[in-house]
Amino acid sequence: MKVQPVAGYILVEPVAVQKKTAAGIYLPDSHDEKPQQAKVVAVGPDETTDSGAKRQAPCKVGDTIIYKKWGGNEVKLGLTDKDEILFIEFKDVLAIVK
């Protein structure tokens, strides 16, 4: 299925949270939080602000981004959780992972 975000939105796939700490401690499943990192799958066209200015996407397809903790709208495309994607607004992108 092809999905193209509308102006001002980015389509991303959440990146799995690491279950092992740097010290080698494995975290239980109850520790699971929503990931705040994601890989950009598609980018919508430039957004037109209320003042009429154009806002370009802060990232491009293939980038890994960090987004606001409660940002994004989840969409399930299939029957499994692996088919979960997020639509994030341009303004919810906090950083690009280099």
PDB file of N, CA and C in Angstrom:
ATOM      1  N   MET A   1       0.851  -1.170   0.000  1.00  0.00           N
ATOM      2  CA  MET A   1       0.000   0.000   0.000  1.00  0.00           C
ATOM      3  C   MET A   1       0.896   1.232   0.000  1.00  0.00           C
ATOM      4  N   LYS A   2       0.596   2.189  -0.865  1.00  0.00           N
ATOM      5  CA  LYS A   2       1.343   3.452  -0.902  1.00  0.00           C
ATOM      6  C   LYS A   2       0.557   4.504  -0.138  1.00  0.00           C
ATOM      7  N   VAL A   3       1.272   5.229   0.716  1.00  0.00           N
ATOM      8  CA  VAL A   3       0.648   6.276   1.517  1.00  0.00           C
ATOM      9  C   VAL A   3       1.485   7.536   1.363  1.00  0.00           C
ATOM     10  N   GLN A   4       0.861   8.647   1.011  1.00  0.00           N
ATOM     11  CA  GLN A   4       1.544   9.928   0.862  1.00  0.00           C
ATOM     12  C   GLN A   4       0.961  10.906   1.875  1.00  0.00           C
ATOM     13  N   PRO A   5       1.786  11.386   2.820  1.00  0.00           N
ATOM     14  CA  PRO A   5       1.273  12.341   3.805  1.00  0.00           C
ATOM     15  C   PRO A   5       0.868  13.668   3.145  1.00  0.00           C
ATOM     16  N   VAL A   6      -0.076  14.344   3.753  1.00  0.00           N
ATOM     17  CA  VAL A   6      -0.504  15.652   3.271  1.00  0.00           C
ATOM     18  C   VAL A   6       0.477  16.714   3.754  1.00  0.00           C
ATOM     19  N   ALA A   7       0.281  17.932   3.302  1.00  0.00           N
ATOM     20  CA  ALA A   7       1.175  19.046   3.651  1.00  0.00           C
ATOM     21  C   ALA A   7       1.330  19.180   5.163  1.00  0.00           C
ATOM     22  N   GLY A   8       2.590  19.301   5.593  1.00  0.00           N
ATOM     23  CA  GLY A   8       2.873  19.522   7.003  1.00  0.00           C
ATOM     24  C   GLY A   8       3.065  18.262   7.825  1.00  0.00           C
ATOM     25  N   TYR A   9       2.982  17.083   7.186  1.00  0.00           N
ATOM     26  CA  TYR A   9       3.111  15.827   7.919  1.00  0.00           C
ATOM     27  C   TYR A   9       4.231  14.952   7.365  1.00  0.00           C
ATOM     28  N   ILE A  10       4.772  14.115   8.245  1.00  0.00           N
ATOM     29  CA  ILE A  10       5.827  13.169   7.916  1.00  0.00           C
ATOM     30  C   ILE A  10       5.337  11.788   8.335  1.00  0.00           C
ATOM     31  N   LEU A  11       5.558  10.792   7.491  1.00  0.00           N
ATOM     32  CA  LEU A  11       5.201   9.416   7.799  1.00  0.00           C
ATOM     33  C   LEU A  11       6.449   8.697   8.291  1.00  0.00           C
ATOM     34  N   VAL A  12       6.390   8.096   9.485  1.00  0.00           N
ATOM     35  CA  VAL A  12       7.569   7.448  10.075  1.00  0.00           C
ATOM     36  C   VAL A  12       7.234   6.061  10.609  1.00  0.00           C
ATOM     37  N   GLU A  13       8.292   5.231  10.716  1.00  0.00           N
ATOM     38  CA  GLU A  13       8.209   3.922  11.365  1.00  0.00           C
ATOM     39  C   GLU A  13       8.968   4.017  12.671  1.00  0.00           C
ATOM     40  N   PRO A  14       8.333   3.761  13.815  1.00  0.00           N
ATOM     41  CA  PRO A  14       9.039   3.818  15.091  1.00  0.00           C
ATOM     42  C   PRO A  14      10.203   2.821  15.118  1.00  0.00           C
ATOM     43  N   VAL A  15      11.303   3.224  15.758  1.00  0.00           N
ATOM     44  CA  VAL A  15      12.468   2.369  15.930  1.00  0.00           C
ATOM     45  C   VAL A  15      12.316   1.646  17.259  1.00  0.00           C
ATOM     46  N   ALA A  16      12.588   0.351  17.275  1.00  0.00           N
ATOM     47  CA  ALA A  16      12.425  -0.461  18.483  1.00  0.00           C
ATOM     48  C   ALA A  16      13.294   0.068  19.621  1.00  0.00           C
ATOM     49  N   VAL A  17      12.735   0.038  20.821  1.00  0.00           N
ATOM     50  CA  VAL A  17      13.446   0.474  22.016  1.00  0.00           C
ATOM     51  C   VAL A  17      14.428  -0.625  22.425  1.00  0.00           C
ATOM     52  N   GLN A  18      15.642  -0.228  22.783  1.00  0.00           N
ATOM     53  CA  GLN A  18      16.646  -1.189  23.208  1.00  0.00           C
ATOM     54  C   GLN A  18      16.254  -1.771  24.563  1.00  0.00           C
ATOM     55  N   LYS A  19      16.279  -3.084  24.682  1.00  0.00           N
ATOM     56  CA  LYS A  19      15.864  -3.758  25.916  1.00  0.00           C
ATOM     57  C   LYS A  19      17.038  -4.042  26.842  1.00  0.00           C
ATOM     58  N   LYS A  20      18.251  -3.661  26.446  1.00  0.00           N
ATOM     59  CA  LYS A  20      19.436  -3.922  27.256  1.00  0.00           C
ATOM     60  C   LYS A  20      20.163  -2.597  27.475  1.00  0.00           C
ATOM     61  N   THR A  21      20.519  -2.316  28.716  1.00  0.00           N
ATOM     62  CA  THR A  21      21.222  -1.071  29.023  1.00  0.00           C
ATOM     63  C   THR A  21      22.693  -1.193  28.648  1.00  0.00           C
ATOM     64  N   ALA A  22      23.409  -0.075  28.681  1.00  0.00           N
ATOM     65  CA  ALA A  22      24.840  -0.066  28.365  1.00  0.00           C
ATOM     66  C   ALA A  22      25.623  -0.920  29.353  1.00  0.00           C
ATOM     67  N   ALA A  23      25.122  -1.084  30.581  1.00  0.00           N
ATOM     68  CA  ALA A  23      25.785  -1.896  31.601  1.00  0.00           C
ATOM     69  C   ALA A  23      25.481  -3.386  31.448  1.00  0.00           C
ATOM     70  N   GLY A  24      24.622  -3.737  30.476  1.00  0.00           N
ATOM     71  CA  GLY A  24      24.313  -5.141  30.228  1.00  0.00           C
ATOM     72  C   GLY A  24      23.087  -5.653  30.953  1.00  0.00           C
ATOM     73  N   ILE A  25      22.315  -4.772  31.547  1.00  0.00           N
ATOM     74  CA  ILE A  25      21.104  -5.166  32.274  1.00  0.00           C
ATOM     75  C   ILE A  25      19.936  -5.221  31.301  1.00  0.00           C
ATOM     76  N   TYR A  26      19.216  -6.331  31.304  1.00  0.00           N
ATOM     77  CA  TYR A  26      18.041  -6.472  30.447  1.00  0.00           C
ATOM     78  C   TYR A  26      16.823  -5.876  31.133  1.00  0.00           C
ATOM     79  N   LEU A  27      16.061  -5.090  30.409  1.00  0.00           N
ATOM     80  CA  LEU A  27      14.876  -4.444  30.967  1.00  0.00           C
ATOM     81  C   LEU A  27      13.651  -5.316  30.734  1.00  0.00           C
ATOM     82  N   PRO A  28      12.736  -5.397  31.701  1.00  0.00           N
ATOM     83  CA  PRO A  28      11.531  -6.209  31.528  1.00  0.00           C
ATOM     84  C   PRO A  28      10.567  -5.558  30.540  1.00  0.00           C
ATOM     85  N   ASP A  29       9.639  -6.374  30.021  1.00  0.00           N
ATOM     86  CA  ASP A  29       8.640  -5.864  29.085  1.00  0.00           C
ATOM     87  C   ASP A  29       7.772  -4.786  29.704  1.00  0.00           C
ATOM     88  N   SER A  30       7.601  -4.812  31.028  1.00  0.00           N
ATOM     89  CA  SER A  30       6.775  -3.804  31.696  1.00  0.00           C
ATOM     90  C   SER A  30       7.416  -2.419  31.617  1.00  0.00           C
ATOM     91  N   HIS A  31       8.685  -2.353  31.251  1.00  0.00           N
ATOM     92  CA  HIS A  31       9.399  -1.085  31.141  1.00  0.00           C
ATOM     93  C   HIS A  31       9.114  -0.388  29.811  1.00  0.00           C
ATOM     94  N   ASP A  32       8.495  -1.104  28.891  1.00  0.00           N
ATOM     95  CA  ASP A  32       8.280  -0.575  27.536  1.00  0.00           C
ATOM     96  C   ASP A  32       7.617   0.794  27.555  1.00  0.00           C
ATOM     97  N   GLU A  33       8.221   1.714  26.843  1.00  0.00           N
ATOM     98  CA  GLU A  33       7.647   3.035  26.602  1.00  0.00           C
ATOM     99  C   GLU A  33       7.539   3.214  25.109  1.00  0.00           C
ATOM    100  N   LYS A  34       6.746   4.166  24.716  1.00  0.00           N
ATOM    101  CA  LYS A  34       6.667   4.475  23.301  1.00  0.00           C
ATOM    102  C   LYS A  34       8.023   4.995  22.841  1.00  0.00           C
ATOM    103  N   PRO A  35       8.515   4.511  21.721  1.00  0.00           N
ATOM    104  CA  PRO A  35       9.795   5.036  21.234  1.00  0.00           C
ATOM    105  C   PRO A  35       9.644   6.486  20.792  1.00  0.00           C
ATOM    106  N   GLN A  36      10.738   7.236  20.893  1.00  0.00           N
ATOM    107  CA  GLN A  36      10.729   8.612  20.435  1.00  0.00           C
ATOM    108  C   GLN A  36      11.636   8.779  19.227  1.00  0.00           C
ATOM    109  N   GLN A  37      12.154   7.667  18.710  1.00  0.00           N
ATOM    110  CA  GLN A  37      12.958   7.698  17.499  1.00  0.00           C
ATOM    111  C   GLN A  37      12.207   6.961  16.417  1.00  0.00           C
ATOM    112  N   ALA A  38      12.371   7.441  15.192  1.00  0.00           N
ATOM    113  CA  ALA A  38      11.685   6.805  14.077  1.00  0.00           C
ATOM    114  C   ALA A  38      12.442   7.054  12.781  1.00  0.00           C
ATOM    115  N   LYS A  39      12.222   6.159  11.830  1.00  0.00           N
ATOM    116  CA  LYS A  39      12.809   6.301  10.498  1.00  0.00           C
ATOM    117  C   LYS A  39      11.761   6.932   9.591  1.00  0.00           C
ATOM    118  N   VAL A  40      12.166   7.958   8.840  1.00  0.00           N
ATOM    119  CA  VAL A  40      11.251   8.672   7.948  1.00  0.00           C
ATOM    120  C   VAL A  40      10.992   7.828   6.706  1.00  0.00           C
ATOM    121  N   VAL A  41       9.712   7.557   6.427  1.00  0.00           N
ATOM    122  CA  VAL A  41       9.303   6.745   5.296  1.00  0.00           C
ATOM    123  C   VAL A  41       8.826   7.621   4.130  1.00  0.00           C
ATOM    124  N   ALA A  42       8.120   8.704   4.444  1.00  0.00           N
ATOM    125  CA  ALA A  42       7.605   9.620   3.424  1.00  0.00           C
ATOM    126  C   ALA A  42       7.441  11.008   4.033  1.00  0.00           C
ATOM    127  N   VAL A  43       7.558  12.026   3.186  1.00  0.00           N
ATOM    128  CA  VAL A  43       7.438  13.417   3.632  1.00  0.00           C
ATOM    129  C   VAL A  43       6.382  14.106   2.779  1.00  0.00           C
ATOM    130  N   GLY A  44       5.472  14.819   3.439  1.00  0.00           N
ATOM    131  CA  GLY A  44       4.443  15.554   2.734  1.00  0.00           C
ATOM    132  C   GLY A  44       4.996  16.843   2.141  1.00  0.00           C
ATOM    133  N   PRO A  45       4.219  17.500   1.285  1.00  0.00           N
ATOM    134  CA  PRO A  45       4.656  18.767   0.696  1.00  0.00           C
ATOM    135  C   PRO A  45       4.803  19.868   1.748  1.00  0.00           C
ATOM    136  N   ASP A  46       5.438  20.970   1.341  1.00  0.00           N
ATOM    137  CA  ASP A  46       5.622  22.112   2.239  1.00  0.00           C
ATOM    138  C   ASP A  46       4.279  22.554   2.808  1.00  0.00           C
ATOM    139  N   GLU A  47       4.331  22.991   4.051  1.00  0.00           N
ATOM    140  CA  GLU A  47       3.136  23.456   4.749  1.00  0.00           C
ATOM    141  C   GLU A  47       3.021  24.969   4.588  1.00  0.00           C
ATOM    142  N   THR A  48       1.820  25.468   4.409  1.00  0.00           N
ATOM    143  CA  THR A  48       1.583  26.906   4.374  1.00  0.00           C
ATOM    144  C   THR A  48       1.049  27.317   5.739  1.00  0.00           C
ATOM    145  N   THR A  49       1.763  28.206   6.423  1.00  0.00           N
ATOM    146  CA  THR A  49       1.345  28.647   7.755  1.00  0.00           C
ATOM    147  C   THR A  49       0.179  29.621   7.653  1.00  0.00           C
ATOM    148  N   ASP A  50      -0.384  29.990   8.800  1.00  0.00           N
ATOM    149  CA  ASP A  50      -1.505  30.931   8.830  1.00  0.00           C
ATOM    150  C   ASP A  50      -1.125  32.291   8.247  1.00  0.00           C
ATOM    151  N   SER A  51       0.159  32.659   8.382  1.00  0.00           N
ATOM    152  CA  SER A  51       0.617  33.947   7.860  1.00  0.00           C
ATOM    153  C   SER A  51       0.939  33.889   6.365  1.00  0.00           C
ATOM    154  N   GLY A  52       0.822  32.688   5.762  1.00  0.00           N
ATOM    155  CA  GLY A  52       1.078  32.548   4.332  1.00  0.00           C
ATOM    156  C   GLY A  52       2.492  32.123   3.990  1.00  0.00           C
ATOM    157  N   ALA A  53       3.354  31.982   4.993  1.00  0.00           N
ATOM    158  CA  ALA A  53       4.736  31.555   4.751  1.00  0.00           C
ATOM    159  C   ALA A  53       4.778  30.047   4.516  1.00  0.00           C
ATOM    160  N   LYS A  54       5.768  29.602   3.768  1.00  0.00           N
ATOM    161  CA  LYS A  54       5.960  28.169   3.509  1.00  0.00           C
ATOM    162  C   LYS A  54       6.911  27.596   4.548  1.00  0.00           C
ATOM    163  N   ARG A  55       6.570  26.440   5.109  1.00  0.00           N
ATOM    164  CA  ARG A  55       7.441  25.743   6.051  1.00  0.00           C
ATOM    165  C   ARG A  55       7.847  24.418   5.406  1.00  0.00           C
ATOM    166  N   GLN A  56       9.155  24.245   5.204  1.00  0.00           N
ATOM    167  CA  GLN A  56       9.664  23.025   4.601  1.00  0.00           C
ATOM    168  C   GLN A  56       9.822  21.936   5.661  1.00  0.00           C
ATOM    169  N   ALA A  57       9.828  20.696   5.210  1.00  0.00           N
ATOM    170  CA  ALA A  57      10.038  19.563   6.113  1.00  0.00           C
ATOM    171  C   ALA A  57      11.436  19.649   6.716  1.00  0.00           C
ATOM    172  N   PRO A  58      11.573  19.365   7.997  1.00  0.00           N
ATOM    173  CA  PRO A  58      12.877  19.439   8.650  1.00  0.00           C
ATOM    174  C   PRO A  58      13.760  18.223   8.376  1.00  0.00           C
ATOM    175  N   CYS A  59      13.250  17.227   7.647  1.00  0.00           N
ATOM    176  CA  CYS A  59      14.007  16.011   7.378  1.00  0.00           C
ATOM    177  C   CYS A  59      13.638  15.468   6.004  1.00  0.00           C
ATOM    178  N   LYS A  60      14.329  14.388   5.626  1.00  0.00           N
ATOM    179  CA  LYS A  60      14.046  13.767   4.327  1.00  0.00           C
ATOM    180  C   LYS A  60      13.865  12.267   4.520  1.00  0.00           C
ATOM    181  N   VAL A  61      13.376  11.586   3.503  1.00  0.00           N
ATOM    182  CA  VAL A  61      13.163  10.141   3.560  1.00  0.00           C
ATOM    183  C   VAL A  61      14.487   9.448   3.866  1.00  0.00           C
ATOM    184  N   GLY A  62      14.446   8.503   4.801  1.00  0.00           N
ATOM    185  CA  GLY A  62      15.639   7.760   5.194  1.00  0.00           C
ATOM    186  C   GLY A  62      16.285   8.272   6.467  1.00  0.00           C
ATOM    187  N   ASP A  63      16.001   9.506   6.866  1.00  0.00           N
ATOM    188  CA  ASP A  63      16.553  10.063   8.108  1.00  0.00           C
ATOM    189  C   ASP A  63      15.957   9.341   9.313  1.00  0.00           C
ATOM    190  N   THR A  64      16.718   9.319  10.402  1.00  0.00           N
ATOM    191  CA  THR A  64      16.196   8.871  11.693  1.00  0.00           C
ATOM    192  C   THR A  64      16.012  10.121  12.527  1.00  0.00           C
ATOM    193  N   ILE A  65      14.817  10.283  13.071  1.00  0.00           N
ATOM    194  CA  ILE A  65      14.494  11.499  13.813  1.00  0.00           C
ATOM    195  C   ILE A  65      14.125  11.180  15.253  1.00  0.00           C
ATOM    196  N   ILE A  66      14.177  12.211  16.080  1.00  0.00           N
ATOM    197  CA  ILE A  66      13.644  12.162  17.435  1.00  0.00           C
ATOM    198  C   ILE A  66      12.461  13.117  17.446  1.00  0.00           C
ATOM    199  N   TYR A  67      11.336  12.653  17.946  1.00  0.00           N
ATOM    200  CA  TYR A  67      10.129  13.476  17.943  1.00  0.00           C
ATOM    201  C   TYR A  67       9.575  13.614  19.351  1.00  0.00           C
ATOM    202  N   LYS A  68       8.641  14.545  19.517  1.00  0.00           N
ATOM    203  CA  LYS A  68       8.036  14.795  20.824  1.00  0.00           C
ATOM    204  C   LYS A  68       7.410  13.528  21.383  1.00  0.00           C
ATOM    205  N   LYS A  69       7.498  13.375  22.689  1.00  0.00           N
ATOM    206  CA  LYS A  69       7.023  12.159  23.355  1.00  0.00           C
ATOM    207  C   LYS A  69       5.573  11.829  23.015  1.00  0.00           C
ATOM    208  N   TRP A  70       4.721  12.798  23.005  1.00  0.00           N
ATOM    209  CA  TRP A  70       3.307  12.532  22.727  1.00  0.00           C
ATOM    210  C   TRP A  70       2.916  12.973  21.325  1.00  0.00           C
ATOM    211  N   GLY A  71       3.915  13.155  20.459  1.00  0.00           N
ATOM    212  CA  GLY A  71       3.639  13.563  19.084  1.00  0.00           C
ATOM    213  C   GLY A  71       3.221  12.378  18.231  1.00  0.00           C
ATOM    214  N   GLY A  72       2.546  12.668  17.160  1.00  0.00           N
ATOM    215  CA  GLY A  72       2.207  11.639  16.183  1.00  0.00           C
ATOM    216  C   GLY A  72       0.843  11.020  16.375  1.00  0.00           C
ATOM    217  N   ASN A  73       0.328  10.523  15.269  1.00  0.00           N
ATOM    218  CA  ASN A  73      -0.947   9.811  15.247  1.00  0.00           C
ATOM    219  C   ASN A  73      -0.687   8.412  14.709  1.00  0.00           C
ATOM    220  N   GLU A  74      -0.946   7.394  15.536  1.00  0.00           N
ATOM    221  CA  GLU A  74      -0.683   6.015  15.156  1.00  0.00           C
ATOM    222  C   GLU A  74      -1.720   5.513  14.166  1.00  0.00           C
ATOM    223  N   VAL A  75      -1.229   4.740  13.194  1.00  0.00           N
ATOM    224  CA  VAL A  75      -2.105   4.102  12.222  1.00  0.00           C
ATOM    225  C   VAL A  75      -1.603   2.671  12.038  1.00  0.00           C
ATOM    226  N   LYS A  76      -2.515   1.709  12.089  1.00  0.00           N
ATOM    227  CA  LYS A  76      -2.145   0.316  11.849  1.00  0.00           C
ATOM    228  C   LYS A  76      -2.598  -0.052  10.433  1.00  0.00           C
ATOM    229  N   LEU A  77      -1.638  -0.450   9.615  1.00  0.00           N
ATOM    230  CA  LEU A  77      -1.946  -0.804   8.237  1.00  0.00           C
ATOM    231  C   LEU A  77      -2.288  -2.279   8.076  1.00  0.00           C
ATOM    232  N   GLY A  78      -1.839  -3.106   9.012  1.00  0.00           N
ATOM    233  CA  GLY A  78      -2.075  -4.545   8.917  1.00  0.00           C
ATOM    234  C   GLY A  78      -2.608  -5.102  10.210  1.00  0.00           C
ATOM    235  N   LEU A  79      -2.464  -6.389  10.360  1.00  0.00           N
ATOM    236  CA  LEU A  79      -2.992  -7.061  11.535  1.00  0.00           C
ATOM    237  C   LEU A  79      -1.996  -7.139  12.684  1.00  0.00           C
ATOM    238  N   THR A  80      -0.713  -6.908  12.409  1.00  0.00           N
ATOM    239  CA  THR A  80       0.296  -7.015  13.464  1.00  0.00           C
ATOM    240  C   THR A  80       0.788  -5.635  13.867  1.00  0.00           C
ATOM    241  N   ASP A  81       1.432  -5.567  15.052  1.00  0.00           N
ATOM    242  CA  ASP A  81       1.993  -4.304  15.528  1.00  0.00           C
ATOM    243  C   ASP A  81       3.169  -3.853  14.675  1.00  0.00           C
ATOM    244  N   LYS A  82       3.781  -4.774  13.933  1.00  0.00           N
ATOM    245  CA  LYS A  82       4.917  -4.418  13.085  1.00  0.00           C
ATOM    246  C   LYS A  82       4.481  -3.526  11.923  1.00  0.00           C
ATOM    247  N   ASP A  83       3.201  -3.521  11.627  1.00  0.00           N
ATOM    248  CA  ASP A  83       2.674  -2.699  10.535  1.00  0.00           C
ATOM    249  C   ASP A  83       2.199  -1.339  11.023  1.00  0.00           C
ATOM    250  N   GLU A  84       2.658  -0.922  12.211  1.00  0.00           N
ATOM    251  CA  GLU A  84       2.248   0.350  12.790  1.00  0.00           C
ATOM    252  C   GLU A  84       3.127   1.487  12.268  1.00  0.00           C
ATOM    253  N   ILE A  85       2.500   2.579  11.872  1.00  0.00           N
ATOM    254  CA  ILE A  85       3.218   3.759  11.411  1.00  0.00           C
ATOM    255  C   ILE A  85       2.671   4.975  12.147  1.00  0.00           C
ATOM    256  N   LEU A  86       3.401   6.076  12.048  1.00  0.00           N
ATOM    257  CA  LEU A  86       2.978   7.321  12.691  1.00  0.00           C
ATOM    258  C   LEU A  86       2.984   8.454  11.678  1.00  0.00           C
ATOM    259  N   PHE A  87       2.020   9.322  11.805  1.00  0.00           N
ATOM    260  CA  PHE A  87       2.032  10.587  11.073  1.00  0.00           C
ATOM    261  C   PHE A  87       2.413  11.655  12.075  1.00  0.00           C
ATOM    262  N   ILE A  88       3.514  12.367  11.801  1.00  0.00           N
ATOM    263  CA  ILE A  88       4.029  13.390  12.711  1.00  0.00           C
ATOM    264  C   ILE A  88       4.014  14.735  11.997  1.00  0.00           C
ATOM    265  N   GLU A  89       3.617  15.775  12.712  1.00  0.00           N
ATOM    266  CA  GLU A  89       3.656  17.120  12.144  1.00  0.00           C
ATOM    267  C   GLU A  89       5.094  17.619  12.086  1.00  0.00           C
ATOM    268  N   PHE A  90       5.390  18.479  11.114  1.00  0.00           N
ATOM    269  CA  PHE A  90       6.727  19.050  10.980  1.00  0.00           C
ATOM    270  C   PHE A  90       7.216  19.623  12.314  1.00  0.00           C
ATOM    271  N   LYS A  91       6.319  20.299  13.041  1.00  0.00           N
ATOM    272  CA  LYS A  91       6.701  20.987  14.284  1.00  0.00           C
ATOM    273  C   LYS A  91       7.034  20.027  15.421  1.00  0.00           C
ATOM    274  N   ASP A  92       6.663  18.738  15.299  1.00  0.00           N
ATOM    275  CA  ASP A  92       6.925  17.766  16.362  1.00  0.00           C
ATOM    276  C   ASP A  92       8.305  17.119  16.253  1.00  0.00           C
ATOM    277  N   VAL A  93       9.043  17.406  15.181  1.00  0.00           N
ATOM    278  CA  VAL A  93      10.385  16.848  15.014  1.00  0.00           C
ATOM    279  C   VAL A  93      11.338  17.672  15.868  1.00  0.00           C
ATOM    280  N   LEU A  94      12.049  17.002  16.776  1.00  0.00           N
ATOM    281  CA  LEU A  94      12.977  17.689  17.676  1.00  0.00           C
ATOM    282  C   LEU A  94      14.415  17.673  17.151  1.00  0.00           C
ATOM    283  N   ALA A  95      14.824  16.561  16.493  1.00  0.00           N
ATOM    284  CA  ALA A  95      16.205  16.441  16.033  1.00  0.00           C
ATOM    285  C   ALA A  95      16.317  15.355  14.973  1.00  0.00           C
ATOM    286  N   ILE A  96      17.408  15.442  14.207  1.00  0.00           N
ATOM    287  CA  ILE A  96      17.759  14.407  13.243  1.00  0.00           C
ATOM    288  C   ILE A  96      18.995  13.704  13.788  1.00  0.00           C
ATOM    289  N   VAL A  97      18.947  12.374  13.863  1.00  0.00           N
ATOM    290  CA  VAL A  97      20.073  11.593  14.384  1.00  0.00           C
ATOM    291  C   VAL A  97      21.109  11.457  13.281  1.00  0.00           C
ATOM    292  N   LYS A  98      22.330  11.867  13.572  1.00  0.00           N
ATOM    293  CA  LYS A  98      23.414  11.804  12.588  1.00  0.00           C
ATOM    294  C   LYS A  98      24.302  10.619  12.848  1.00  0.00           C
TER     295      LYS A  98
END
